[in-house]
């Protein structure tokens, strides 16, 4: 039905001439930033872009190698009319999965895929609009001024009276258009919008790629507890180093652990070996610990006995690792020659272990 672009070269190469000259009713063109595919396209307050978009989107499929421009094109087209948005949404099952990074501090939302890390940006602006090339589009029931510039071709500027409304509306819209996993910027936990925005996403049982959360006394303990309770729907949690800030007295409850990775860059007294041994993550990174040689020996012995069942990569940092100290797996660390290969007691798993400076690194090897 209509156009079906299921295989072959990117959509821009096949459809550019078809769309040459199509215009969306009113207002100056949003080009030149979106390539020949959008030559002449205009956003509108007027009649829907149908019938041409109806047939187009009924058959439209977005492949795993879809270009960056096709994702920008899709988000722009989705702003045009409710019917077009519904048709794009109906094709959502075919769309590429994307990561949406909420950058509250910089008032930016970044959208990218695992295959294309450049992606594009949506700015949430609250200042006065100083641009003659303004479009007005419908986003989540709101009429929103939108601008683009030649100097920033992968950025869409949206203007809102309220920053929270802008972040939530754009995020909701992206969730309808793409298969999304949400991540937060590294310092977003300091922003006043961090809690209300994530609360709404938690309430929707939204999947997360990575959440970065500083365990600082200014962060409410009940809120922190909710994040860690939600861990099973989060791919990775990062706890950054606070430098001169006062660490929180909050103690996370593990398990549950994040689904894939845990990164802890601050030294916490609650991170004991007993707690670590419950970890089900495949990627474990902990820094600035007080672990000594005997503790590292216990960690590796635990793995050899069948512990850390999902482990692929382990990094432990400690200033108390001594190359001439207690033996680790029967060898003084200074006797290790580069990498040391170890096996589980049942012989089913193999890993390379390396000691360098103040770190122990372990990488499991693919099973034959």
Protein backbone atom coordinates (compact mmCIF):
# COMPACT_ATOMS: atom_id res chain seq x y z
CA UNK A 1 0.00 0.00 0.00
CA UNK A 2 1.51 3.26 -1.05
CA UNK A 3 5.27 3.51 -0.95
CA UNK A 4 7.16 0.68 0.77
CA UNK A 5 10.86 1.32 1.27
CA UNK A 6 11.72 -1.97 2.95
CA UNK A 7 15.09 -2.68 1.39
CA UNK A 8 17.84 -0.98 -0.48
CA UNK A 9 19.58 2.38 -0.16
CA UNK A 10 18.64 5.03 2.41
CA UNK A 11 15.27 6.69 2.03
CA UNK A 12 16.86 10.05 1.16
CA UNK A 13 18.31 8.67 -2.05
CA UNK A 14 15.09 7.03 -3.19
CA UNK A 15 12.46 9.57 -2.21
CA UNK A 16 14.12 12.96 -2.61
CA UNK A 17 12.72 13.70 -6.06
CA UNK A 18 9.27 12.47 -5.07
CA UNK A 19 9.12 15.13 -2.37
CA UNK A 20 10.72 17.95 -4.37
CA UNK A 21 8.49 20.98 -4.16
CA UNK A 22 5.99 19.66 -1.60
CA UNK A 23 5.10 22.43 0.81
CA UNK A 24 3.30 22.52 4.10
CA UNK A 25 0.90 25.44 3.64
CA UNK A 26 2.30 28.42 5.58
CA UNK A 27 5.50 29.92 6.91
CA UNK A 28 9.09 30.10 5.71
CA UNK A 29 10.89 26.86 4.85
CA UNK A 30 12.61 25.04 7.64
CA UNK A 31 15.43 24.18 5.26
CA UNK A 32 18.26 24.03 4.30
CA UNK A 33 19.28 21.82 7.19
CA UNK A 34 17.49 18.53 6.44
CA UNK A 35 18.85 17.66 2.98
CA UNK A 36 17.11 17.22 -0.38
CA UNK A 37 14.46 14.97 1.17
CA UNK A 38 12.91 18.08 2.71
CA UNK A 39 13.53 20.54 -0.10
CA UNK A 40 10.45 22.76 -0.07
CA UNK A 41 8.70 21.10 2.89
CA UNK A 42 6.97 23.49 5.27
CA UNK A 43 5.32 22.97 8.60
CA UNK A 44 1.77 24.21 8.96
CA UNK A 45 -1.30 25.31 10.87
CA UNK A 46 -3.37 24.54 7.81
CA UNK A 47 -4.86 21.34 6.38
CA UNK A 48 -3.19 17.99 7.04
CA UNK A 49 -0.31 16.94 4.84
CA UNK A 50 -2.44 14.07 3.56
CA UNK A 51 -3.21 12.39 1.21
CA UNK A 52 0.41 12.11 0.12
CA UNK A 53 1.72 11.21 3.57
CA UNK A 54 -1.00 8.66 4.26
CA UNK A 55 0.11 6.15 1.66
CA UNK A 56 3.73 6.95 2.32
CA UNK A 57 3.62 6.19 6.03
CA UNK A 58 1.33 3.16 5.72
CA UNK A 59 4.18 1.33 4.03
CA UNK A 60 7.13 3.09 5.55
CA UNK A 61 9.74 1.01 7.36
CA UNK A 62 12.83 2.34 9.08
CA UNK A 63 15.74 -0.08 8.82
CA UNK A 64 18.49 -0.77 11.29
CA UNK A 65 20.77 1.29 9.10
CA UNK A 66 18.41 4.21 8.69
CA UNK A 67 20.24 7.47 8.19
CA UNK A 68 20.45 10.21 10.77
CA UNK A 69 18.45 12.42 8.42
CA UNK A 70 15.55 9.95 8.30
CA UNK A 71 15.20 10.13 12.08
CA UNK A 72 15.29 13.93 11.99
CA UNK A 73 12.80 13.84 9.14
CA UNK A 74 10.53 11.57 11.11
CA UNK A 75 10.47 13.72 14.22
CA UNK A 76 9.82 16.83 12.11
CA UNK A 77 7.01 15.18 10.17
CA UNK A 78 5.47 13.95 13.39
CA UNK A 79 4.90 17.55 14.47
CA UNK A 80 2.65 18.29 11.49
CA UNK A 81 -0.74 16.77 12.23
CA UNK A 82 -2.45 14.33 14.55
CA UNK A 83 -3.26 11.98 11.70
CA UNK A 84 0.33 11.96 10.45
CA UNK A 85 1.59 11.34 13.99
CA UNK A 86 -0.82 8.43 14.34
CA UNK A 87 0.41 6.91 11.11
CA UNK A 88 4.04 7.32 12.13
CA UNK A 89 3.15 5.74 15.45
CA UNK A 90 1.58 2.78 13.63
CA UNK A 91 4.96 2.16 11.96
CA UNK A 92 6.75 2.40 15.31
CA UNK A 93 7.24 -1.36 15.55
CA UNK A 94 9.51 -1.14 12.51
CA UNK A 95 11.58 1.77 13.76
CA UNK A 96 15.12 1.72 14.97
CA UNK A 97 15.65 1.75 18.71
CA UNK A 98 17.10 5.02 19.95
CA UNK A 99 18.66 6.40 23.11
CA UNK A 100 17.15 9.63 24.44
CA UNK A 101 19.51 11.54 26.73
CA UNK A 102 17.82 14.08 29.00
CA UNK A 103 20.23 16.95 29.57
CA UNK A 104 18.38 19.16 32.05
CA UNK A 105 21.50 21.17 32.87
CA UNK A 106 22.09 22.19 29.25
CA UNK A 107 18.34 22.27 28.38
CA UNK A 108 18.95 19.74 25.61
CA UNK A 109 17.55 16.37 24.63
CA UNK A 110 19.88 14.24 22.54
CA UNK A 111 18.56 11.43 20.32
CA UNK A 112 20.87 8.84 18.80
CA UNK A 113 21.09 5.15 17.98
CA UNK A 114 23.71 2.59 18.96
CA UNK A 115 24.87 2.52 15.34
CA UNK A 116 24.92 6.30 14.84
CA UNK A 117 26.13 8.16 17.91
CA UNK A 118 25.93 11.62 16.29
CA UNK A 119 22.13 11.74 16.28
CA UNK A 120 20.32 15.04 16.66
CA UNK A 121 19.38 17.50 19.40
CA UNK A 122 16.18 19.16 20.57
CA UNK A 123 16.74 22.31 22.60
CA UNK A 124 14.19 23.30 25.26
CA UNK A 125 14.31 27.10 25.22
CA UNK A 126 12.51 29.46 27.60
CA UNK A 127 14.06 32.75 26.50
CA UNK A 128 12.51 35.28 24.14
CA UNK A 129 12.46 34.19 20.50
CA UNK A 130 14.76 36.30 18.34
CA UNK A 131 14.43 34.63 14.97
CA UNK A 132 12.33 35.63 11.98
CA UNK A 133 12.28 32.05 10.67
CA UNK A 134 9.73 30.71 13.17
CA UNK A 135 7.46 27.73 12.61
CA UNK A 136 4.54 26.79 14.87
CA UNK A 137 3.93 23.08 15.39
CA UNK A 138 1.69 20.93 17.56
CA UNK A 139 3.51 18.92 20.24
CA UNK A 140 1.40 17.04 22.79
CA UNK A 141 -1.52 19.43 22.35
CA UNK A 142 0.61 22.57 22.63
CA UNK A 143 1.32 25.05 19.84
CA UNK A 144 5.09 25.41 20.03
CA UNK A 145 7.39 27.84 18.19
CA UNK A 146 10.23 25.99 16.48
CA UNK A 147 13.36 27.27 14.74
CA UNK A 148 16.42 25.79 13.09
CA UNK A 149 19.66 27.36 11.91
CA UNK A 150 22.13 26.64 9.13
CA UNK A 151 25.00 26.75 11.65
CA UNK A 152 23.47 23.93 13.74
CA UNK A 153 21.93 21.56 11.17
CA UNK A 154 21.22 18.70 13.60
CA UNK A 155 19.48 20.81 16.22
CA UNK A 156 15.79 21.73 16.57
CA UNK A 157 15.03 24.67 18.88
CA UNK A 158 11.65 24.51 20.63
CA UNK A 159 10.31 27.38 22.77
CA UNK A 160 8.28 26.93 25.94
CA UNK A 161 6.98 29.07 28.78
CA UNK A 162 7.96 26.38 31.28
CA UNK A 163 11.09 24.20 31.18
CA UNK A 164 9.42 21.23 32.87
CA UNK A 165 6.51 21.30 30.41
CA UNK A 166 8.97 21.39 27.51
CA UNK A 167 11.03 18.44 28.71
CA UNK A 168 8.00 16.30 29.51
CA UNK A 169 6.15 17.14 26.29
CA UNK A 170 9.13 16.45 24.03
CA UNK A 171 9.96 13.26 25.92
CA UNK A 172 6.36 12.01 25.66
CA UNK A 173 6.35 12.79 21.95
CA UNK A 174 9.62 10.92 21.35
CA UNK A 175 8.29 7.91 23.24
CA UNK A 176 5.35 7.79 20.82
CA UNK A 177 7.49 8.09 17.70
CA UNK A 178 10.46 5.87 18.55
CA UNK A 179 11.33 2.82 20.59
CA UNK A 180 13.24 4.69 23.27
CA UNK A 181 15.54 3.99 26.16
CA UNK A 182 16.11 6.98 28.39
CA UNK A 183 19.45 8.13 29.78
CA UNK A 184 20.26 11.10 31.99
CA UNK A 185 23.22 13.44 31.66
CA UNK A 186 26.01 13.03 34.20
CA UNK A 187 25.14 16.10 36.29
CA UNK A 188 21.37 16.09 35.82
CA UNK A 189 20.79 14.71 39.31
CA UNK A 190 21.63 18.22 40.60
CA UNK A 191 18.81 19.83 38.57
CA UNK A 192 15.42 20.58 40.10
CA UNK A 193 13.65 18.83 37.20
CA UNK A 194 15.51 15.54 37.63
CA UNK A 195 13.09 14.11 40.18
CA UNK A 196 9.72 15.17 38.67
CA UNK A 197 10.67 14.11 35.14
CA UNK A 198 12.04 10.72 36.19
CA UNK A 199 9.07 10.20 38.50
CA UNK A 200 6.68 10.44 35.55
CA UNK A 201 8.83 8.06 33.51
CA UNK A 202 9.00 5.61 36.42
CA UNK A 203 5.21 5.74 36.70
CA UNK A 204 5.02 4.73 33.03
CA UNK A 205 7.41 1.80 33.65
CA UNK A 206 9.74 3.31 31.05
CA UNK A 207 12.98 1.44 30.33
CA UNK A 208 16.21 3.32 31.00
CA UNK A 209 19.63 2.96 29.40
CA UNK A 210 21.70 4.76 32.06
CA UNK A 211 20.86 6.85 35.11
CA UNK A 212 23.62 8.89 36.71
CA UNK A 213 22.82 9.76 40.32
CA UNK A 214 25.05 11.47 42.86
CA UNK A 215 24.63 10.15 46.40
CA UNK A 216 24.71 13.58 48.03
CA UNK A 217 22.92 14.74 51.16
CA UNK A 218 20.85 17.22 49.12
CA UNK A 219 19.11 14.33 47.33
CA UNK A 220 16.02 13.03 49.09
CA UNK A 221 16.51 9.53 50.52
CA UNK A 222 13.01 8.36 49.59
CA UNK A 223 13.68 9.41 46.01
CA UNK A 224 17.03 7.59 45.97
CA UNK A 225 15.36 4.50 47.35
CA UNK A 226 12.84 4.56 44.50
CA UNK A 227 15.60 4.71 41.89
CA UNK A 228 17.38 1.68 43.32
CA UNK A 229 14.11 -0.20 43.76
CA UNK A 230 13.52 0.43 40.03
CA UNK A 231 16.97 -1.01 39.13
CA UNK A 232 15.64 -4.03 37.24
CA UNK A 233 14.29 -1.73 34.49
CA UNK A 234 17.58 0.19 34.22
CA UNK A 235 20.41 -1.05 32.00
CA UNK A 236 23.06 0.79 33.99
CA UNK A 237 23.45 2.99 37.06
CA UNK A 238 26.41 5.34 37.48
CA UNK A 239 27.27 6.81 40.88
CA UNK A 240 29.81 9.58 40.18
CA UNK A 241 32.60 10.87 42.39
CA UNK A 242 31.42 13.91 44.35
CA UNK A 243 34.83 15.57 44.80
CA UNK A 244 34.39 18.09 47.63
CA UNK A 245 30.66 17.47 48.13
CA UNK A 246 29.43 15.68 51.25
CA UNK A 247 28.42 12.07 50.52
CA UNK A 248 24.94 10.97 51.53
CA UNK A 249 24.28 8.71 54.50
CA UNK A 250 21.84 6.87 52.25
CA UNK A 251 22.54 3.14 51.87
CA UNK A 252 21.21 1.53 48.66
CA UNK A 253 19.51 -1.82 48.97
CA UNK A 254 20.99 -4.50 46.71
CA UNK A 255 19.61 -6.62 45.10
CA UNK A 256 18.00 -5.78 42.76
CA UNK A 257 20.93 -4.65 40.66
CA UNK A 258 20.78 -2.89 37.28
CA UNK A 259 20.25 -5.23 34.35
CA UNK A 260 23.69 -4.79 32.78
CA UNK A 261 26.22 -2.49 34.48
CA UNK A 262 26.99 -0.73 37.74
CA UNK A 263 29.57 2.05 37.99
CA UNK A 264 30.55 3.36 41.43
CA UNK A 265 33.26 6.03 41.46
CA UNK A 266 32.97 7.05 45.12
CA UNK A 267 34.26 5.08 48.12
CA UNK A 268 31.31 3.96 50.25
CA UNK A 269 31.49 1.99 53.48
CA UNK A 270 28.32 0.11 52.53
CA UNK A 271 30.00 -1.46 49.49
CA UNK A 272 31.30 -4.54 51.29
CA UNK A 273 32.41 -7.79 49.71
CA UNK A 274 29.18 -9.42 50.86
CA UNK A 275 27.21 -6.76 48.98
CA UNK A 276 29.43 -7.04 45.90
CA UNK A 277 29.03 -10.82 45.82
CA UNK A 278 25.27 -10.41 45.25
CA UNK A 279 25.87 -8.44 42.03
CA UNK A 280 24.21 -9.85 38.92
CA UNK A 281 25.56 -7.24 36.46
CA UNK A 282 27.68 -8.20 33.47
CA UNK A 283 29.80 -5.03 33.76
CA UNK A 284 31.07 -3.96 37.19
CA UNK A 285 33.25 -0.87 37.69
CA UNK A 286 34.11 0.31 41.20
CA UNK A 287 36.82 2.87 41.98
CA UNK A 288 38.47 4.42 45.03
CA UNK A 289 37.78 1.39 47.20
CA UNK A 290 39.74 0.31 50.28
CA UNK A 291 40.10 -3.25 49.02
CA UNK A 292 43.45 -4.89 49.70
CA UNK A 293 45.23 -7.79 48.02
CA UNK A 294 43.48 -10.35 50.23
CA UNK A 295 40.10 -8.86 49.25
CA UNK A 296 40.93 -9.11 45.55
CA UNK A 297 41.98 -12.71 46.10
CA UNK A 298 38.57 -13.33 47.66
CA UNK A 299 36.80 -11.66 44.70
CA UNK A 300 38.59 -13.83 42.13
CA UNK A 301 38.10 -16.95 44.24
CA UNK A 302 34.39 -16.14 44.38
CA UNK A 303 34.24 -15.98 40.58
CA UNK A 304 36.19 -19.24 40.23
CA UNK A 305 33.64 -20.94 42.48
CA UNK A 306 30.76 -19.84 40.24
CA UNK A 307 29.99 -16.39 41.59
CA UNK A 308 29.18 -13.36 39.41
CA UNK A 309 27.27 -15.64 36.97
CA UNK A 310 26.70 -12.92 34.36
CA UNK A 311 30.09 -11.22 34.60
CA UNK A 312 31.83 -10.09 31.41
CA UNK A 313 33.98 -7.23 32.67
CA UNK A 314 35.18 -6.31 36.17
CA UNK A 315 37.27 -3.29 37.16
CA UNK A 316 38.26 -2.56 40.76
CA UNK A 317 40.31 0.47 41.76
CA UNK A 318 42.09 0.79 45.11
CA UNK A 319 45.13 2.64 46.43
CA UNK A 320 45.73 -0.32 48.76
CA UNK A 321 46.70 -2.77 46.02
CA UNK A 322 50.34 -3.70 46.66
CA UNK A 323 52.45 -5.32 43.94
CA UNK A 324 54.70 -6.80 46.62
CA UNK A 325 51.90 -7.47 49.07
CA UNK A 326 49.84 -10.54 49.87
CA UNK A 327 49.48 -13.11 47.08
CA UNK A 328 46.43 -13.12 44.84
CA UNK A 329 45.46 -16.62 43.68
CA UNK A 330 48.78 -17.91 44.98
CA UNK A 331 50.96 -15.37 43.18
CA UNK A 332 52.49 -12.13 44.42
CA UNK A 333 51.19 -9.47 41.98
CA UNK A 334 54.74 -8.47 40.98
CA UNK A 335 55.19 -12.04 39.67
CA UNK A 336 52.30 -11.68 37.26
CA UNK A 337 53.59 -11.26 33.73
CA UNK A 338 51.12 -8.96 32.04
CA UNK A 339 47.79 -10.78 31.85
CA UNK A 340 47.06 -13.91 33.82
CA UNK A 341 44.45 -16.36 32.54
CA UNK A 342 42.25 -18.06 35.10
CA UNK A 343 39.44 -20.61 34.93
CA UNK A 344 36.40 -21.40 37.00
CA UNK A 345 36.67 -24.51 39.14
CA UNK A 346 34.38 -26.41 36.78
CA UNK A 347 36.50 -25.39 33.78
CA UNK A 348 33.55 -23.88 31.92
CA UNK A 349 34.65 -20.22 31.99
CA UNK A 350 37.97 -18.50 31.31
CA UNK A 351 39.04 -14.94 32.02
CA UNK A 352 42.06 -12.69 31.56
CA UNK A 353 43.12 -10.78 34.68
CA UNK A 354 45.51 -7.84 34.71
CA UNK A 355 46.93 -5.69 37.52
CA UNK A 356 48.12 -2.24 36.59
CA UNK A 357 48.79 0.80 38.77
CA UNK A 358 45.93 0.80 41.29
CA UNK A 359 43.47 -1.30 39.30
CA UNK A 360 42.53 -4.91 38.79
CA UNK A 361 40.83 -5.65 35.48
CA UNK A 362 39.17 -8.90 34.53
CA UNK A 363 37.64 -9.79 31.17
CA UNK A 364 35.82 -13.06 30.61
CA UNK A 365 36.61 -14.82 27.34
CA UNK A 366 34.05 -16.20 24.87
CA UNK A 367 33.31 -19.84 25.45
CA UNK A 368 34.41 -22.14 22.62
